């Protein structure tokens, strides 16, 4: 079986590529800038906003499955149009599609979001992720759409942000609640879905809901860092223009998948 990973140069994309190779799959990973140096992966440079180029590459490779992970926080064309282009190309060759989405498309509320809750975006990135989902579901009703949360692991931007806050170079919010997940757990879950017939939305996040500030304290304890310098505030006080409490209920995924979705307290245990 062969597969393509759109956005293979990103943090999650590289993890999916590595796990795919380990599982014995022939993997083609795409990247836009820099390089994709994952042993066993056939790396191809690709601009996902160029629909003709995406279609041409997928038609040439003819993968059995495509995992779509490309995004750029401040770029609608990459996040929304790019997802649609990947979906069109996958559908043209009959490839199984797993699209990776985000909890950022929700507005935030005191109760966790279910898998099928409709998007309620409050900022441009959330709107782009919502548009991507709409396009993917229209193009390929059989696709699996994974909504996930903060992704942790070696090289994670989330861990580095906590380190910066502990060193006084950033601020963490005490009312921004998320459900972090380990990058390897998420990659394994995605590959499980590649091999499954599951269609539609699925929350795939960790079971522990923590604030950004609490995540900083967990990072301090895990790596033996001094937490005294941690600066926190609230998103409301800072006028944060992104959703705050966006906890995901991943009970459906927990029952469906063999891959254990570990909580952040287990992942960052001292």
Protein backbone atom coordinates (compact mmCIF):
# COMPACT_ATOMS: atom_id res chain seq x y z
CA UNK A 1 0.00 0.00 0.00
CA UNK A 2 1.24 3.48 -0.81
CA UNK A 3 0.25 6.80 0.68
CA UNK A 4 0.83 10.50 0.30
CA UNK A 5 1.18 13.01 3.12
CA UNK A 6 0.30 16.56 2.11
CA UNK A 7 2.19 18.87 4.44
CA UNK A 8 4.72 16.16 5.26
CA UNK A 9 7.27 18.80 6.21
CA UNK A 10 5.20 19.96 9.19
CA UNK A 11 5.40 18.67 12.76
CA UNK A 12 2.50 16.21 12.45
CA UNK A 13 3.24 15.46 8.80
CA UNK A 14 6.75 14.26 9.60
CA UNK A 15 5.40 12.05 12.38
CA UNK A 16 2.85 10.49 10.01
CA UNK A 17 5.59 9.91 7.44
CA UNK A 18 7.85 8.22 10.00
CA UNK A 19 5.08 5.99 11.35
CA UNK A 20 3.99 5.11 7.81
CA UNK A 21 7.48 3.99 6.84
CA UNK A 22 7.73 1.99 10.07
CA UNK A 23 4.47 0.26 9.15
CA UNK A 24 5.95 -0.81 5.83
CA UNK A 25 4.10 1.66 3.63
CA UNK A 26 5.52 3.37 0.57
CA UNK A 27 5.28 7.02 1.59
CA UNK A 28 5.48 10.17 -0.51
CA UNK A 29 5.64 13.33 1.60
CA UNK A 30 5.26 16.84 0.26
CA UNK A 31 6.78 20.04 1.59
CA UNK A 32 6.73 23.66 0.53
CA UNK A 33 9.97 25.10 1.91
CA UNK A 34 13.08 23.80 3.61
CA UNK A 35 13.39 20.04 3.30
CA UNK A 36 11.73 16.78 4.31
CA UNK A 37 14.54 14.51 5.46
CA UNK A 38 12.72 11.45 6.78
CA UNK A 39 14.46 8.14 5.98
CA UNK A 40 12.41 6.02 3.61
CA UNK A 41 10.13 8.87 2.52
CA UNK A 42 10.06 10.07 -1.08
CA UNK A 43 10.03 13.84 -0.62
CA UNK A 44 8.42 16.10 -3.21
CA UNK A 45 8.22 19.90 -3.14
CA UNK A 46 4.66 21.12 -3.65
CA UNK A 47 2.61 24.30 -3.35
CA UNK A 48 -0.83 23.10 -2.23
CA UNK A 49 -2.41 26.35 -3.43
CA UNK A 50 -1.51 25.35 -7.01
CA UNK A 51 -4.40 23.04 -7.89
CA UNK A 52 -2.90 21.93 -11.20
CA UNK A 53 0.37 20.98 -9.50
CA UNK A 54 -1.44 19.07 -6.74
CA UNK A 55 -3.55 17.14 -9.25
CA UNK A 56 -0.52 16.37 -11.42
CA UNK A 57 1.52 15.01 -8.52
CA UNK A 58 -1.28 12.86 -7.13
CA UNK A 59 -2.09 11.56 -10.62
CA UNK A 60 1.57 10.61 -11.06
CA UNK A 61 1.96 8.93 -7.65
CA UNK A 62 -1.55 7.38 -7.58
CA UNK A 63 -1.54 6.73 -3.82
CA UNK A 64 -3.98 4.39 -2.12
CA UNK A 65 -4.47 7.00 0.60
CA UNK A 66 -3.78 10.68 1.19
CA UNK A 67 -3.32 12.37 4.57
CA UNK A 68 -3.90 16.12 4.39
CA UNK A 69 -2.04 18.08 7.08
CA UNK A 70 -0.98 21.35 5.40
CA UNK A 71 -1.86 24.63 7.10
CA UNK A 72 -0.47 28.09 7.66
CA UNK A 73 -1.93 30.07 10.53
CA UNK A 74 -2.25 33.37 8.69
CA UNK A 75 -2.79 32.07 5.15
CA UNK A 76 -6.32 31.28 3.98
CA UNK A 77 -5.13 29.95 0.63
CA UNK A 78 -2.94 27.26 2.21
CA UNK A 79 -5.35 26.26 4.97
CA UNK A 80 -8.67 26.35 3.09
CA UNK A 81 -7.95 26.28 -0.65
CA UNK A 82 -5.04 23.89 -0.16
CA UNK A 83 -7.26 21.39 1.65
CA UNK A 84 -9.81 21.56 -1.18
CA UNK A 85 -7.11 21.03 -3.79
CA UNK A 86 -5.80 17.96 -1.97
CA UNK A 87 -9.33 16.56 -1.66
CA UNK A 88 -10.04 17.05 -5.36
CA UNK A 89 -6.80 15.34 -6.36
CA UNK A 90 -7.37 12.42 -3.98
CA UNK A 91 -10.92 11.93 -5.25
CA UNK A 92 -9.76 11.90 -8.86
CA UNK A 93 -7.58 8.83 -8.23
CA UNK A 94 -9.94 7.17 -5.77
CA UNK A 95 -7.58 7.54 -2.81
CA UNK A 96 -8.74 7.24 0.78
CA UNK A 97 -8.55 10.72 2.37
CA UNK A 98 -7.90 11.62 5.99
CA UNK A 99 -8.03 15.38 6.56
CA UNK A 100 -6.61 16.91 9.74
CA UNK A 101 -8.64 19.76 11.20
CA UNK A 102 -8.49 21.72 14.45
CA UNK A 103 -10.38 22.70 17.59
CA UNK A 104 -9.67 26.31 16.54
CA UNK A 105 -12.84 26.34 14.43
CA UNK A 106 -14.95 26.46 17.60
CA UNK A 107 -15.86 29.68 19.43
CA UNK A 108 -15.32 28.30 22.93
CA UNK A 109 -17.86 27.36 25.63
CA UNK A 110 -18.00 25.89 29.16
CA UNK A 111 -18.89 22.36 27.95
CA UNK A 112 -16.78 20.08 25.71
CA UNK A 113 -17.45 19.90 21.98
CA UNK A 114 -18.80 16.69 20.45
CA UNK A 115 -17.47 15.27 17.18
CA UNK A 116 -20.35 16.56 15.08
CA UNK A 117 -20.74 20.03 16.57
CA UNK A 118 -20.79 22.57 13.73
CA UNK A 119 -18.00 25.14 13.43
CA UNK A 120 -18.48 28.51 15.10
CA UNK A 121 -15.26 30.34 14.19
CA UNK A 122 -14.34 33.63 15.80
CA UNK A 123 -11.05 34.36 14.03
CA UNK A 124 -9.58 34.02 10.54
CA UNK A 125 -7.68 30.79 11.16
CA UNK A 126 -10.75 29.09 12.62
CA UNK A 127 -12.79 30.26 9.64
CA UNK A 128 -10.21 28.84 7.24
CA UNK A 129 -10.27 25.47 9.02
CA UNK A 130 -14.07 25.48 8.91
CA UNK A 131 -14.02 26.27 5.18
CA UNK A 132 -11.52 23.45 4.64
CA UNK A 133 -13.85 20.98 6.36
CA UNK A 134 -16.82 22.14 4.30
CA UNK A 135 -14.86 21.72 1.06
CA UNK A 136 -13.49 18.29 1.99
CA UNK A 137 -16.90 16.93 3.04
CA UNK A 138 -18.50 18.20 -0.18
CA UNK A 139 -15.77 16.78 -2.40
CA UNK A 140 -15.40 13.43 -0.62
CA UNK A 141 -18.22 12.39 1.74
CA UNK A 142 -16.25 9.24 2.58
CA UNK A 143 -13.27 11.16 3.97
CA UNK A 144 -12.35 11.08 7.65
CA UNK A 145 -11.93 14.52 9.22
CA UNK A 146 -9.86 14.60 12.39
CA UNK A 147 -10.35 17.52 14.77
CA UNK A 148 -7.42 17.73 17.14
CA UNK A 149 -5.90 20.08 19.71
CA UNK A 150 -2.43 21.22 20.85
CA UNK A 151 0.17 18.76 19.55
CA UNK A 152 3.01 17.89 21.91
CA UNK A 153 6.24 15.97 21.49
CA UNK A 154 9.92 16.51 20.80
CA UNK A 155 10.25 19.70 18.79
CA UNK A 156 6.70 20.86 19.57
CA UNK A 157 6.05 24.60 19.28
CA UNK A 158 3.71 24.25 22.25
CA UNK A 159 6.49 22.99 24.52
CA UNK A 160 8.81 25.75 23.31
CA UNK A 161 6.15 28.38 24.05
CA UNK A 162 5.96 27.08 27.63
CA UNK A 163 9.75 27.20 27.94
CA UNK A 164 9.71 30.78 26.68
CA UNK A 165 7.05 31.71 29.24
CA UNK A 166 9.03 30.10 32.05
CA UNK A 167 12.02 32.18 30.96
CA UNK A 168 9.97 35.39 30.93
CA UNK A 169 9.82 35.69 27.15
CA UNK A 170 6.11 34.95 26.73
CA UNK A 171 2.80 34.96 28.60
CA UNK A 172 0.44 32.02 29.09
CA UNK A 173 -3.32 32.31 29.56
CA UNK A 174 -5.03 30.75 32.56
CA UNK A 175 -8.46 30.57 30.89
CA UNK A 176 -7.46 29.08 27.52
CA UNK A 177 -8.45 25.42 27.89
CA UNK A 178 -7.29 22.74 25.45
CA UNK A 179 -6.85 18.95 25.29
CA UNK A 180 -3.21 18.35 24.26
CA UNK A 181 -2.21 15.17 22.43
CA UNK A 182 1.14 13.53 21.75
CA UNK A 183 2.25 13.76 18.13
CA UNK A 184 3.01 10.03 17.92
CA UNK A 185 -0.41 9.13 19.32
CA UNK A 186 -2.07 11.41 16.79
CA UNK A 187 0.01 10.04 13.91
CA UNK A 188 -0.87 6.45 14.85
CA UNK A 189 -4.56 7.40 15.09
CA UNK A 190 -4.43 9.00 11.64
CA UNK A 191 -2.86 5.88 10.14
CA UNK A 192 -5.52 3.74 11.79
CA UNK A 193 -8.15 5.87 10.13
CA UNK A 194 -6.39 5.51 6.77
CA UNK A 195 -6.98 1.77 6.99
CA UNK A 196 -10.56 2.11 8.24
CA UNK A 197 -13.87 2.93 6.51
CA UNK A 198 -14.71 5.69 9.01
CA UNK A 199 -16.31 8.71 7.34
CA UNK A 200 -17.04 12.11 8.81
CA UNK A 201 -15.88 14.12 11.81
CA UNK A 202 -13.91 12.66 14.69
CA UNK A 203 -12.38 14.41 17.70
CA UNK A 204 -8.91 12.98 18.35
CA UNK A 205 -7.38 14.71 21.36
CA UNK A 206 -6.06 13.86 24.80
CA UNK A 207 -8.38 13.16 27.75
CA UNK A 208 -6.89 15.86 30.01
CA UNK A 209 -8.22 19.41 29.65
CA UNK A 210 -5.65 21.94 30.87
CA UNK A 211 -5.11 25.66 30.57
CA UNK A 212 -2.07 27.09 28.81
CA UNK A 213 -0.82 28.20 32.23
CA UNK A 214 -1.24 24.70 33.66
CA UNK A 215 0.61 23.30 30.67
CA UNK A 216 3.49 25.62 31.50
CA UNK A 217 3.61 24.27 35.06
CA UNK A 218 3.59 20.68 33.77
CA UNK A 219 6.48 21.49 31.43
CA UNK A 220 8.41 23.04 34.33
CA UNK A 221 7.93 19.93 36.47
CA UNK A 222 8.80 17.56 33.61
CA UNK A 223 12.05 19.28 32.68
CA UNK A 224 13.08 20.52 36.11
CA UNK A 225 12.61 24.21 35.29
CA UNK A 226 11.90 26.99 37.77
CA UNK A 227 8.22 27.91 37.63
CA UNK A 228 8.64 31.08 39.71
CA UNK A 229 9.11 33.26 36.65
CA UNK A 230 6.01 32.03 34.82
CA UNK A 231 3.86 35.00 33.79
CA UNK A 232 0.16 34.37 33.30
CA UNK A 233 -2.94 36.40 32.55
CA UNK A 234 -6.41 35.77 31.19
CA UNK A 235 -7.41 35.88 27.58
CA UNK A 236 -10.26 38.19 28.49
CA UNK A 237 -7.90 40.68 30.15
CA UNK A 238 -5.54 40.54 27.19
CA UNK A 239 -8.34 40.94 24.65
CA UNK A 240 -7.39 37.62 23.06
CA UNK A 241 -8.90 37.34 19.59
CA UNK A 242 -9.11 33.55 19.52
CA UNK A 243 -11.34 30.96 21.24
CA UNK A 244 -10.63 30.21 24.89
CA UNK A 245 -12.35 27.08 26.26
CA UNK A 246 -12.36 24.60 23.35
CA UNK A 247 -12.23 21.22 25.06
CA UNK A 248 -12.91 18.27 22.77
CA UNK A 249 -14.85 15.16 23.79
CA UNK A 250 -12.88 12.29 22.21
CA UNK A 251 -14.96 9.43 23.63
CA UNK A 252 -15.95 8.25 20.15
CA UNK A 253 -12.31 8.02 19.04
CA UNK A 254 -11.33 6.25 22.27
CA UNK A 255 -13.94 3.58 21.58
CA UNK A 256 -13.12 3.32 17.88
CA UNK A 257 -9.32 3.31 17.82
CA UNK A 258 -6.77 0.82 19.14
CA UNK A 259 -4.26 3.65 19.58
CA UNK A 260 -4.29 4.91 23.19
CA UNK A 261 -4.77 8.67 23.43
CA UNK A 262 -2.62 9.59 26.40
CA UNK A 263 -3.36 12.60 28.58
CA UNK A 264 -0.94 15.46 29.02
CA UNK A 265 -0.35 14.65 32.70
CA UNK A 266 0.91 11.21 31.68
CA UNK A 267 2.96 12.61 28.80
CA UNK A 268 4.67 15.23 30.99
CA UNK A 269 4.96 13.22 34.21
CA UNK A 270 8.29 14.06 35.95
